[in-house]
Amino acid sequence: MLLTFEQYKDKVMGCFAGKNIGGVLGAPYEGWRQKVELDFYTQDLSMGPPPNDDLDLQIVWLAAVEKYGRNVNASILGEYWLSYIIPNWVEYGTGKANLRAGFVPPMSGVIDNTYKDSCGCFIRSELWACLAPGHPEIAARYAYEDAIVDHAEEGTQGEIFFAALESAAFVEKDINKLLDIALSYIPEDCATAKCIQTARSCYADKVPFFEARKQVHNCAPGTFGIQQCKISEIPLEEQELELGAPGFDAPENIGFAILGLLYGEGDFGKSLCHAVSCGEDTDCSGASLGALLGILLGADALPEKWTAPLNDKIATLCIDKTSRGVWVPETVTELTDRIVRIAPSFLGLEYCDLLAQNGYTVSCLEGDALLCNKVEDYIPLINGNFKDKNMPVNKLTQLSPYVARYEHPVFRVMVDYKDSVFFKTGENRSFKITVTETGLMCQQQWVKIQLYLPDGVRAVNGANRLLPLNNLYMSKAEAEFELDLEQFCGARLELIADISLEGRHSSMPVKIMFVREA
């Protein structure tokens, strides 16, 4: 399926206009645990829309993409996060603290992060969808890189779900098909998927809306709506909503957005008001649903009732404008222009025809091709030539957040920290290194792994390995190392693993870091 330039631009414009609308609508009710009755904005918008982090965080990511293109990854995004993002709210602050301590993503998103399952990353999904329209696999893969900077587990699943949903919405209008496509990118037994399926079941069974809200909440209880009140102050009519774990907020708020989508039955304003009326993280649920509806409808079809009060303007809250490196747009139009300008180099010329009349066209996937790829598509160890060697997104999301990944042009490296970054005095510590080939060279290789250890540390089973690495489908070279730390006195253990291929000139040094458990 081909998207013309005008169709593509209209949907990108609709995405961010819709996100702006939903965020503004929901902002006054953020953090409330109570049913909200509304049918329009309640703020004074005479001076323009209020700032909202749901939209402006993506402007920092866009600046990274404008400089690094499709090479952008979690490490680069982490550097931009440290340099240009101001807030230290819950997961944002924890992610930054972990990055500053030297922990790479995805560990930066999980260590001591009570809010790893919260909403701060699914609100950043739109950029990846708009840079990869009709290619949810690509959008979801970059959403994963984004999410693991400061989230893990359900937080990560939420952004991947929305990125795939919004990317597919450029070419698919059937809501149930869209939901099936997006759900294929996350584990079917995760809490996010369960909340979405609960919302679908409630709508199919004609459950009254606020009863559906209760069922979605109790499927995976969150706490966003009671962060600022005592347990004893929870309204009596809300006490049927179960108390969840602190920070476990993404699943139900995504479920509320899907409730709004379904019960709104195609009406833009009604859909957004339904989502916001559920309470909790209302600007997030409203903004994400608004973005999806904006893609489906396109900017030209958004109701003037909702667009006119905002007058195309956006206001930022979280970006450090005193440091050079991020150009902050003032309007949705400016933001759209920047995205459509960079999209061909990001998506790739294999999908964009720059010589088409009236602007470039985008070749999109459609039908079953929009579903997530599966490992099971090929027999393991079959001839690996001409096959996609990337780990499918739904498998990528199931990796432990204590597995760090590194990319070399010829090979990929994963370091498995065994579910912890800590070591204990007097106990040995082990980790595993896995090397796979990228498919670039289509050759059999031998991998050399050499550890460089600090004083007082000894590799029990040797500090080097030489391992075969075939180019068959799903082949890997894997080595486990055990460290004797009896003579090590430091609080932080840093070592270097140098990975290289025999007969090739380049190598990849990887720093591995543990800290002593208190």
Protein backbone atom coordinates (compact mmCIF):
# COMPACT_ATOMS: atom_id res chain seq x y z
CA MET A 1 0.00 0.00 0.00
CA LEU A 2 1.27 3.47 -0.91
CA LEU A 3 0.76 6.57 1.19
CA THR A 4 1.05 9.77 -0.78
CA PHE A 5 2.99 12.60 0.77
CA GLU A 6 -0.19 14.55 1.47
CA GLN A 7 -1.88 11.55 3.11
CA TYR A 8 1.16 10.86 5.23
CA LYS A 9 1.61 14.48 6.30
CA ASP A 10 -2.09 14.84 7.12
CA LYS A 11 -1.95 11.81 9.42
CA VAL A 12 1.24 12.95 11.17
CA MET A 13 -0.35 16.35 11.69
CA GLY A 14 -3.49 14.64 12.97
CA CYS A 15 -1.44 12.50 15.34
CA PHE A 16 0.16 15.38 17.20
CA ALA A 17 -2.87 17.66 17.01
CA GLY A 18 -4.94 14.85 18.51
CA LYS A 19 -2.30 14.20 21.16
CA ASN A 20 -2.26 17.88 22.08
CA ILE A 21 -6.06 17.91 22.37
CA GLY A 22 -6.25 14.78 24.53
CA GLY A 23 -3.44 15.94 26.81
CA VAL A 24 -4.99 19.36 27.36
CA LEU A 25 -8.42 17.82 27.98
CA GLY A 26 -7.09 15.39 30.57
CA ALA A 27 -4.53 17.59 32.34
CA PRO A 28 -6.86 19.11 34.99
CA TYR A 29 -7.92 15.65 36.21
CA GLU A 30 -4.51 14.01 36.35
CA GLY A 31 -4.08 12.08 39.57
CA TRP A 32 -7.77 11.88 40.51
CA ARG A 33 -9.39 8.62 41.53
CA GLN A 34 -12.98 9.48 40.73
CA LYS A 35 -15.36 9.43 37.82
CA VAL A 36 -15.08 12.61 35.80
CA GLU A 37 -18.07 14.11 34.02
CA LEU A 38 -16.97 16.33 31.12
CA ASP A 39 -17.73 17.09 27.50
CA PHE A 40 -15.11 19.75 26.64
CA TYR A 41 -12.04 21.58 27.87
CA THR A 42 -12.35 23.10 31.32
CA GLN A 43 -9.26 25.36 31.28
CA ASP A 44 -8.95 28.97 30.18
CA LEU A 45 -7.16 28.58 26.85
CA SER A 46 -7.13 32.24 25.89
CA MET A 47 -3.35 32.32 26.37
CA GLY A 48 -2.83 29.02 24.55
CA PRO A 49 -2.58 25.42 25.76
CA PRO A 50 -0.77 24.61 29.01
CA PRO A 51 2.54 22.73 28.77
CA ASN A 52 2.42 18.95 28.99
CA ASP A 53 5.21 16.37 29.14
CA ASP A 54 3.15 13.91 27.10
CA LEU A 55 4.12 15.72 23.93
CA ASP A 56 7.35 17.57 24.55
CA LEU A 57 9.55 14.63 25.57
CA GLN A 58 9.37 13.40 21.98
CA ILE A 59 10.87 16.65 20.75
CA VAL A 60 14.14 15.63 22.45
CA TRP A 61 13.98 12.21 20.77
CA LEU A 62 13.34 13.93 17.43
CA ALA A 63 16.51 15.98 17.89
CA ALA A 64 18.43 12.73 18.43
CA VAL A 65 16.93 11.21 15.27
CA GLU A 66 17.75 14.32 13.26
CA LYS A 67 21.42 13.86 14.18
CA TYR A 68 21.80 10.05 14.28
CA GLY A 69 19.00 8.82 12.00
CA ARG A 70 18.16 5.14 12.15
CA ASN A 71 21.32 4.51 14.20
CA VAL A 72 19.65 6.00 17.25
CA ASN A 73 19.44 3.55 20.16
CA ALA A 74 18.85 3.42 23.91
CA SER A 75 22.39 4.55 24.67
CA ILE A 76 22.10 7.66 22.50
CA LEU A 77 18.63 8.43 23.83
CA GLY A 78 20.00 8.07 27.36
CA GLU A 79 22.62 10.73 26.63
CA TYR A 80 19.92 13.08 25.32
CA TRP A 81 17.80 12.27 28.38
CA LEU A 82 20.62 13.33 30.71
CA SER A 83 21.43 16.44 28.69
CA TYR A 84 18.02 17.91 27.92
CA ILE A 85 15.26 16.46 30.14
CA ILE A 86 14.62 18.54 33.27
CA PRO A 87 12.18 16.59 35.51
CA ASN A 88 13.20 14.17 38.21
CA TRP A 89 9.68 12.79 38.69
CA VAL A 90 9.65 9.18 39.89
CA GLU A 91 10.78 6.98 36.95
CA TYR A 92 12.36 9.92 35.09
CA GLY A 93 14.57 10.74 38.09
CA THR A 94 15.41 7.11 38.83
CA GLY A 95 16.37 6.47 35.21
CA LYS A 96 18.66 9.51 35.21
CA ALA A 97 20.23 8.52 38.53
CA ASN A 98 21.00 5.05 37.20
CA LEU A 99 22.46 6.41 33.97
CA ARG A 100 24.69 8.77 35.94
CA ALA A 101 25.84 5.84 38.07
CA GLY A 102 27.04 4.11 34.89
CA PHE A 103 24.24 1.57 34.39
CA VAL A 104 23.31 1.17 30.73
CA PRO A 105 19.75 0.60 29.45
CA PRO A 106 17.81 -1.57 30.15
CA MET A 107 19.31 -1.69 33.65
CA SER A 108 18.89 2.07 33.97
CA GLY A 109 15.16 1.47 33.70
CA VAL A 110 14.83 -1.27 36.30
CA ILE A 111 17.28 -0.78 39.18
CA ASP A 112 15.48 0.57 42.26
CA ASN A 113 12.74 1.84 39.93
CA THR A 114 9.39 1.49 41.70
CA TYR A 115 7.74 3.31 38.77
CA LYS A 116 9.22 1.15 36.00
CA ASP A 117 5.66 0.01 35.12
CA SER A 118 4.20 3.50 35.00
CA CYS A 119 3.02 5.71 32.15
CA GLY A 120 6.00 7.90 31.32
CA CYS A 121 7.09 6.01 28.22
CA PHE A 122 3.92 4.89 26.44
CA ILE A 123 3.26 8.61 25.98
CA ARG A 124 6.42 8.77 23.81
CA SER A 125 5.33 6.22 21.22
CA GLU A 126 4.00 8.56 18.52
CA LEU A 127 7.33 9.69 17.10
CA TRP A 128 8.34 6.12 16.24
CA ALA A 129 4.94 5.39 14.67
CA CYS A 130 5.11 8.54 12.56
CA LEU A 131 8.68 7.80 11.43
CA ALA A 132 7.66 4.25 10.46
CA PRO A 133 4.08 4.52 9.14
CA GLY A 134 2.66 1.15 8.16
CA HIS A 135 5.75 -0.60 9.56
CA PRO A 136 4.86 -1.50 13.16
CA GLU A 137 7.84 -3.85 13.51
CA ILE A 138 10.20 -0.93 12.97
CA ALA A 139 8.18 1.45 15.15
CA ALA A 140 7.98 -1.08 17.98
CA ARG A 141 11.70 -1.84 17.84
CA TYR A 142 12.62 1.81 18.32
CA ALA A 143 9.91 2.19 20.98
CA TYR A 144 11.71 -0.56 22.89
CA GLU A 145 15.00 1.36 22.70
CA ASP A 146 13.17 4.44 23.96
CA ALA A 147 11.31 2.73 26.80
CA ILE A 148 14.24 0.91 28.42
CA VAL A 149 16.03 4.16 29.23
CA ASP A 150 13.76 4.71 32.25
CA HIS A 151 11.16 1.89 32.31
CA ALA A 152 10.94 -1.89 32.29
CA GLU A 153 8.41 -4.71 32.02
CA GLU A 154 4.83 -3.34 31.80
CA GLY A 155 6.03 0.19 31.15
CA THR A 156 8.01 -1.08 28.17
CA GLN A 157 5.15 -3.28 26.93
CA GLY A 158 2.86 -0.25 26.96
CA GLU A 159 5.03 1.83 24.66
CA ILE A 160 5.60 -1.05 22.27
CA PHE A 161 1.84 -1.68 22.11
CA PHE A 162 1.03 1.94 21.30
CA ALA A 163 3.87 2.33 18.78
CA ALA A 164 2.66 -0.73 16.85
CA LEU A 165 -0.99 0.36 17.14
CA GLU A 166 -0.31 3.87 15.87
CA SER A 167 2.01 2.73 13.08
CA ALA A 168 -0.56 0.23 11.81
CA ALA A 169 -3.28 2.92 12.02
CA PHE A 170 -1.68 4.67 9.04
CA VAL A 171 -2.95 1.83 6.83
CA GLU A 172 -5.62 -0.06 8.80
CA LYS A 173 -8.91 1.42 10.05
CA ASP A 174 -10.64 -1.63 11.53
CA ILE A 175 -10.30 -1.22 15.31
CA ASN A 176 -10.33 -4.92 16.16
CA LYS A 177 -7.70 -5.68 13.53
CA LEU A 178 -5.58 -2.82 14.86
CA LEU A 179 -5.79 -4.16 18.39
CA ASP A 180 -4.87 -7.67 17.22
CA ILE A 181 -1.86 -6.30 15.35
CA ALA A 182 -0.59 -4.27 18.30
CA LEU A 183 -1.17 -7.11 20.78
CA SER A 184 0.97 -9.42 18.66
CA TYR A 185 4.01 -7.32 19.66
CA ILE A 186 3.68 -7.89 23.42
CA PRO A 187 3.35 -11.06 25.53
CA GLU A 188 -0.27 -12.20 25.66
CA ASP A 189 -0.01 -12.89 29.40
CA CYS A 190 1.35 -9.48 30.41
CA ALA A 191 -0.88 -7.19 32.49
CA THR A 192 -1.09 -4.61 29.70
CA ALA A 193 -2.50 -7.19 27.28
CA LYS A 194 -4.94 -8.42 29.92
CA CYS A 195 -6.31 -4.90 30.55
CA ILE A 196 -6.76 -4.36 26.81
CA GLN A 197 -8.56 -7.67 26.40
CA THR A 198 -10.75 -6.87 29.41
CA ALA A 199 -11.75 -3.59 27.76
CA ARG A 200 -12.59 -5.44 24.54
CA SER A 201 -14.66 -8.06 26.39
CA CYS A 202 -16.59 -5.42 28.31
CA TYR A 203 -17.49 -3.58 25.12
CA ALA A 204 -18.47 -6.78 23.31
CA ASP A 205 -20.67 -7.81 26.27
CA LYS A 206 -22.26 -4.33 26.48
CA VAL A 207 -21.08 -3.82 30.06
CA PRO A 208 -22.03 -0.31 31.29
CA PHE A 209 -19.08 2.03 30.86
CA PHE A 210 -18.20 2.74 34.49
CA GLU A 211 -18.57 -0.92 35.38
CA ALA A 212 -16.12 -1.60 32.55
CA ARG A 213 -13.80 0.98 34.07
CA LYS A 214 -13.89 -0.92 37.38
CA GLN A 215 -13.19 -4.24 35.67
CA VAL A 216 -10.21 -2.82 33.77
CA HIS A 217 -8.81 -1.27 36.94
CA ASN A 218 -9.22 -4.42 39.02
CA CYS A 219 -7.60 -6.49 36.26
CA ALA A 220 -4.28 -4.76 37.07
CA PRO A 221 -4.81 -2.23 39.88
CA GLY A 222 -2.80 0.96 39.73
CA THR A 223 -2.22 3.75 42.22
CA PHE A 224 -1.85 6.87 40.09
CA GLY A 225 -5.15 8.29 41.33
CA ILE A 226 -4.22 8.10 45.00
CA GLN A 227 -0.66 9.41 44.96
CA GLN A 228 -1.65 12.63 46.67
CA CYS A 229 -4.23 11.43 49.18
CA LYS A 230 -4.29 9.24 52.26
CA ILE A 231 -5.86 5.80 51.92
CA SER A 232 -8.55 6.99 54.33
CA GLU A 233 -9.37 9.87 51.98
CA ILE A 234 -10.24 7.70 48.98
CA PRO A 235 -13.86 8.56 48.07
CA LEU A 236 -16.35 5.95 49.32
CA GLU A 237 -17.71 5.30 45.83
CA GLU A 238 -14.17 4.49 44.63
CA GLN A 239 -13.35 1.91 47.28
CA GLU A 240 -14.47 -0.91 44.98
CA LEU A 241 -11.31 -0.18 43.02
CA GLU A 242 -8.56 -2.35 44.46
CA LEU A 243 -5.27 -0.92 45.72
CA GLY A 244 -2.33 -1.85 43.55
CA ALA A 245 1.42 -1.67 43.93
CA PRO A 246 2.95 1.81 43.79
CA GLY A 247 3.91 2.74 40.25
CA PHE A 248 2.05 -0.10 38.55
CA ASP A 249 0.05 2.33 36.42
CA ALA A 250 0.59 1.73 32.69
CA PRO A 251 -1.67 -1.34 32.20
CA GLU A 252 -4.91 0.14 33.52
CA ASN A 253 -4.39 3.58 31.95
CA ILE A 254 -3.78 1.96 28.58
CA GLY A 255 -6.93 -0.06 29.23
CA PHE A 256 -8.81 3.19 29.89
CA ALA A 257 -7.62 4.61 26.56
CA ILE A 258 -8.92 1.48 24.80
CA LEU A 259 -12.23 1.78 26.67
CA GLY A 260 -12.52 5.31 25.30
CA LEU A 261 -11.69 4.10 21.81
CA LEU A 262 -14.31 1.35 21.87
CA TYR A 263 -17.13 3.04 23.76
CA GLY A 264 -16.62 6.27 21.81
CA GLU A 265 -17.61 4.37 18.66
CA GLY A 266 -15.83 6.65 16.23
CA ASP A 267 -16.84 9.97 17.78
CA PHE A 268 -13.63 11.94 18.43
CA GLY A 269 -14.83 14.05 21.36
CA LYS A 270 -16.92 11.31 22.95
CA SER A 271 -13.99 8.90 22.81
CA LEU A 272 -11.60 11.31 24.53
CA CYS A 273 -14.13 12.27 27.20
CA HIS A 274 -14.77 8.60 27.96
CA ALA A 275 -11.06 7.92 28.42
CA VAL A 276 -10.55 10.96 30.66
CA SER A 277 -13.69 10.20 32.68
CA CYS A 278 -11.96 7.07 34.05
CA GLY A 279 -9.64 9.23 36.13
CA GLU A 280 -6.09 8.25 37.16
CA ASP A 281 -3.42 9.38 34.63
CA THR A 282 -5.91 11.27 32.51
CA ASP A 283 -3.55 13.36 30.41
CA CYS A 284 -1.69 10.21 29.36
CA SER A 285 -4.78 8.16 28.47
CA GLY A 286 -6.37 11.15 26.73
CA ALA A 287 -3.26 12.18 24.82
CA SER A 288 -2.41 8.69 23.59
CA LEU A 289 -5.97 8.06 22.44
CA GLY A 290 -6.08 11.49 20.80
CA ALA A 291 -2.93 10.66 18.85
CA LEU A 292 -4.37 7.36 17.61
CA LEU A 293 -7.64 9.00 16.56
CA GLY A 294 -5.69 11.77 14.85
CA ILE A 295 -3.83 9.23 12.72
CA LEU A 296 -7.04 7.38 11.84
CA LEU A 297 -8.91 10.57 10.92
CA GLY A 298 -6.15 12.83 9.66
CA ALA A 299 -5.79 16.49 10.64
CA ASP A 300 -8.29 17.71 8.05
CA ALA A 301 -11.06 15.61 9.63
CA LEU A 302 -10.47 16.61 13.25
CA PRO A 303 -13.47 18.59 14.58
CA GLU A 304 -12.84 22.35 14.56
CA LYS A 305 -14.58 22.52 17.93
CA TRP A 306 -11.56 20.76 19.42
CA THR A 307 -8.74 22.17 17.29
CA ALA A 308 -9.66 25.86 17.25
CA PRO A 309 -9.12 26.63 20.97
CA LEU A 310 -5.53 25.33 20.76
CA ASN A 311 -4.78 27.23 17.55
CA ASP A 312 -2.07 24.75 16.48
CA LYS A 313 0.14 25.80 19.42
CA ILE A 314 2.13 23.50 21.66
CA ALA A 315 3.81 24.39 24.94
CA THR A 316 6.76 22.55 26.45
CA LEU A 317 7.49 21.78 30.07
CA CYS A 318 10.38 19.34 30.35
CA ILE A 319 13.05 20.49 27.89
CA ASP A 320 16.18 22.35 28.94
CA LYS A 321 16.24 25.21 26.46
CA THR A 322 19.38 26.75 27.93
CA SER A 323 21.61 24.04 26.46
CA ARG A 324 22.33 23.92 22.75
CA GLY A 325 21.14 20.92 20.76
CA VAL A 326 17.33 20.87 20.77
CA TRP A 327 15.23 23.14 18.59
CA VAL A 328 11.78 23.36 20.17
CA PRO A 329 8.88 23.90 17.74
CA GLU A 330 6.06 26.21 18.76
CA THR A 331 3.30 24.62 16.70
CA VAL A 332 2.07 21.21 15.62
CA THR A 333 2.71 22.33 12.04
CA GLU A 334 6.40 22.96 12.76
CA LEU A 335 6.71 19.62 14.52
CA THR A 336 5.02 17.83 11.62
CA ASP A 337 7.28 19.48 9.05
CA ARG A 338 10.37 18.27 10.90
CA ILE A 339 9.11 14.70 11.15
CA VAL A 340 8.14 14.38 7.49
CA ARG A 341 11.48 15.90 6.49
CA ILE A 342 13.51 13.29 8.35
CA ALA A 343 11.25 10.26 7.74
CA PRO A 344 12.75 9.06 4.40
CA SER A 345 16.28 8.81 5.81
CA PHE A 346 14.96 7.09 8.94
CA LEU A 347 12.61 4.61 7.28
CA GLY A 348 14.95 3.98 4.37
CA LEU A 349 14.84 4.53 0.64
CA GLU A 350 13.60 0.97 0.13
CA TYR A 351 10.27 2.23 1.45
CA CYS A 352 10.27 5.86 0.27
CA ASP A 353 10.16 6.98 -3.35
CA LEU A 354 11.72 10.44 -3.31
CA LEU A 355 11.09 10.99 -7.02
CA ALA A 356 7.31 10.57 -6.89
CA GLN A 357 5.26 13.48 -8.15
CA ASN A 358 3.86 15.90 -5.58
CA GLY A 359 6.23 14.74 -2.85
CA TYR A 360 7.62 11.37 -1.80
CA THR A 361 5.44 8.30 -1.26
CA VAL A 362 5.74 5.72 1.52
CA SER A 363 5.37 2.02 0.78
CA CYS A 364 3.57 0.42 3.73
CA LEU A 365 2.84 -3.10 4.82
CA GLU A 366 -0.76 -4.26 5.04
CA GLY A 367 -2.87 -7.21 6.19
CA ASP A 368 -1.08 -10.00 8.06
CA ALA A 369 2.29 -8.46 7.22
CA LEU A 370 1.55 -5.88 9.94
CA LEU A 371 1.66 -8.58 12.62
CA CYS A 372 4.80 -9.16 14.65
CA ASN A 373 7.39 -11.49 13.16
CA LYS A 374 7.87 -14.82 14.93
CA VAL A 375 10.98 -16.80 15.78
CA GLU A 376 9.03 -19.86 14.64
CA ASP A 377 8.85 -18.55 11.06
CA TYR A 378 11.92 -20.69 10.27
CA ILE A 379 13.37 -23.95 11.58
CA PRO A 380 16.27 -23.28 13.98
CA LEU A 381 19.71 -23.80 12.41
CA ILE A 382 18.35 -23.82 8.85
CA ASN A 383 20.44 -21.96 6.24
CA GLY A 384 20.58 -18.42 7.60
CA ASN A 385 21.22 -16.50 4.39
CA PHE A 386 18.68 -13.79 3.47
CA LYS A 387 16.74 -14.17 6.73
CA ASP A 388 16.03 -11.43 9.26
CA LYS A 389 18.50 -11.98 12.10
CA ASN A 390 16.82 -9.45 14.40
CA MET A 391 15.13 -10.86 17.49
CA PRO A 392 11.35 -10.39 16.99
CA VAL A 393 9.99 -7.57 19.13
CA ASN A 394 7.69 -9.79 21.17
CA LYS A 395 10.75 -11.87 22.14
CA LEU A 396 12.90 -8.81 22.72
CA THR A 397 10.40 -7.53 25.28
CA GLN A 398 10.62 -10.81 27.18
CA LEU A 399 14.35 -10.47 27.78
CA SER A 400 15.30 -9.84 31.37
CA PRO A 401 15.92 -6.12 31.99
CA TYR A 402 19.29 -7.28 33.32
CA VAL A 403 20.40 -8.25 29.82
CA ALA A 404 22.42 -5.47 28.17
CA ARG A 405 22.70 -5.45 24.36
CA TYR A 406 25.44 -4.01 22.14
CA GLU A 407 25.57 -3.69 18.35
CA HIS A 408 28.57 -4.06 16.05
CA PRO A 409 28.15 -3.96 12.26
CA VAL A 410 28.99 -7.67 12.01
CA PHE A 411 27.80 -9.10 15.32
CA ARG A 412 25.56 -8.46 18.32
CA VAL A 413 26.48 -8.96 21.97
CA MET A 414 24.25 -9.62 24.96
CA VAL A 415 25.56 -9.58 28.53
CA ASP A 416 23.29 -11.37 30.98
CA TYR A 417 23.80 -10.13 34.53
CA LYS A 418 21.66 -12.95 35.97
CA ASP A 419 18.86 -10.70 37.33
CA SER A 420 21.05 -8.47 39.47
CA VAL A 421 23.87 -5.93 39.28
CA PHE A 422 25.06 -6.67 42.82
CA PHE A 423 27.76 -8.90 44.22
CA LYS A 424 28.24 -10.07 47.78
CA THR A 425 31.40 -10.12 49.85
CA GLY A 426 32.95 -13.57 49.82
CA GLU A 427 30.74 -14.96 47.04
CA ASN A 428 31.66 -15.67 43.43
CA ARG A 429 29.75 -13.78 40.72
CA SER A 430 28.86 -15.11 37.28
CA PHE A 431 27.55 -13.60 34.04
CA LYS A 432 27.00 -14.80 30.49
CA ILE A 433 28.01 -13.34 27.15
CA THR A 434 26.12 -14.29 23.99
CA VAL A 435 27.27 -13.32 20.49
CA THR A 436 25.11 -13.58 17.38
CA GLU A 437 25.81 -12.44 13.83
CA THR A 438 23.86 -9.66 12.12
CA GLY A 439 23.56 -11.30 8.70
CA LEU A 440 25.69 -8.59 7.10
CA MET A 441 28.57 -10.89 6.09
CA CYS A 442 26.74 -14.21 5.63
CA GLN A 443 29.85 -16.08 6.74
CA GLN A 444 30.85 -18.59 9.40
CA GLN A 445 33.08 -17.01 12.05
CA TRP A 446 35.10 -17.70 15.18
CA VAL A 447 34.48 -15.38 18.13
CA LYS A 448 37.18 -14.41 20.61
CA ILE A 449 36.12 -13.12 24.03
CA GLN A 450 38.85 -11.71 26.28
CA LEU A 451 38.19 -10.38 29.79
CA TYR A 452 40.36 -7.62 31.28
CA LEU A 453 39.96 -7.80 35.05
CA PRO A 454 40.85 -5.39 37.87
CA ASP A 455 43.29 -6.31 40.62
CA GLY A 456 41.87 -8.79 43.11
CA VAL A 457 39.53 -10.46 40.61
CA ARG A 458 40.19 -13.88 39.07
CA ALA A 459 38.19 -15.67 36.36
CA VAL A 460 37.64 -19.14 37.80
CA ASN A 461 37.20 -20.83 34.42
CA GLY A 462 39.60 -18.65 32.47
CA ALA A 463 39.46 -15.08 31.17
CA ASN A 464 39.17 -15.88 27.47
CA ARG A 465 37.16 -18.03 25.07
CA LEU A 466 37.38 -18.95 21.39
CA LEU A 467 33.99 -20.08 20.09
CA PRO A 468 32.54 -20.98 16.67
CA LEU A 469 29.74 -18.76 15.35
CA ASN A 470 27.87 -20.21 12.40
CA ASN A 471 25.61 -18.11 10.17
CA LEU A 472 22.68 -20.53 10.43
CA TYR A 473 19.32 -19.19 11.61
CA MET A 474 19.39 -18.56 15.41
CA SER A 475 23.04 -19.64 15.76
CA LYS A 476 24.93 -18.16 18.69
CA ALA A 477 28.23 -18.32 20.51
CA GLU A 478 27.76 -18.34 24.28
CA ALA A 479 30.13 -18.36 27.23
CA GLU A 480 29.57 -18.14 30.97
CA PHE A 481 32.22 -16.62 33.20
CA GLU A 482 32.58 -16.97 36.96
CA LEU A 483 34.56 -14.43 38.96
CA ASP A 484 36.36 -15.12 42.23
CA LEU A 485 36.06 -11.90 44.23
CA GLU A 486 37.65 -13.05 47.48
CA GLN A 487 40.55 -10.58 47.12
CA PHE A 488 38.52 -7.71 45.67
CA CYS A 489 37.97 -4.80 48.07
CA GLY A 490 36.23 -2.16 45.97
CA ALA A 491 32.57 -1.11 46.09
CA ARG A 492 32.29 -1.05 42.30
CA LEU A 493 33.62 -3.81 40.08
CA GLU A 494 34.32 -2.76 36.49
CA LEU A 495 35.81 -5.04 33.86
CA ILE A 496 36.16 -5.01 30.09
CA ALA A 497 35.10 -7.81 27.77
CA ASP A 498 36.71 -7.43 24.36
CA ILE A 499 34.78 -9.27 21.63
CA SER A 500 36.30 -9.79 18.20
CA LEU A 501 36.09 -12.09 15.20
CA GLU A 502 39.14 -14.07 14.18
CA GLY A 503 40.62 -12.74 10.96
CA ARG A 504 38.87 -9.38 11.16
CA HIS A 505 40.36 -6.05 12.13
CA SER A 506 37.65 -4.58 14.35
CA SER A 507 36.50 -5.47 17.84
CA MET A 508 33.99 -4.29 20.42
CA PRO A 509 35.01 -3.54 24.01
CA VAL A 510 32.10 -3.86 26.44
CA LYS A 511 32.22 -2.56 29.99
CA ILE A 512 30.59 -4.81 32.59
CA MET A 513 29.86 -3.34 36.01
CA PHE A 514 28.70 -4.72 39.35
CA VAL A 515 28.31 -2.97 42.71
CA ARG A 516 28.77 -4.43 46.16
CA GLU A 517 25.53 -5.24 47.94
CA ALA A 518 25.12 -3.23 51.13
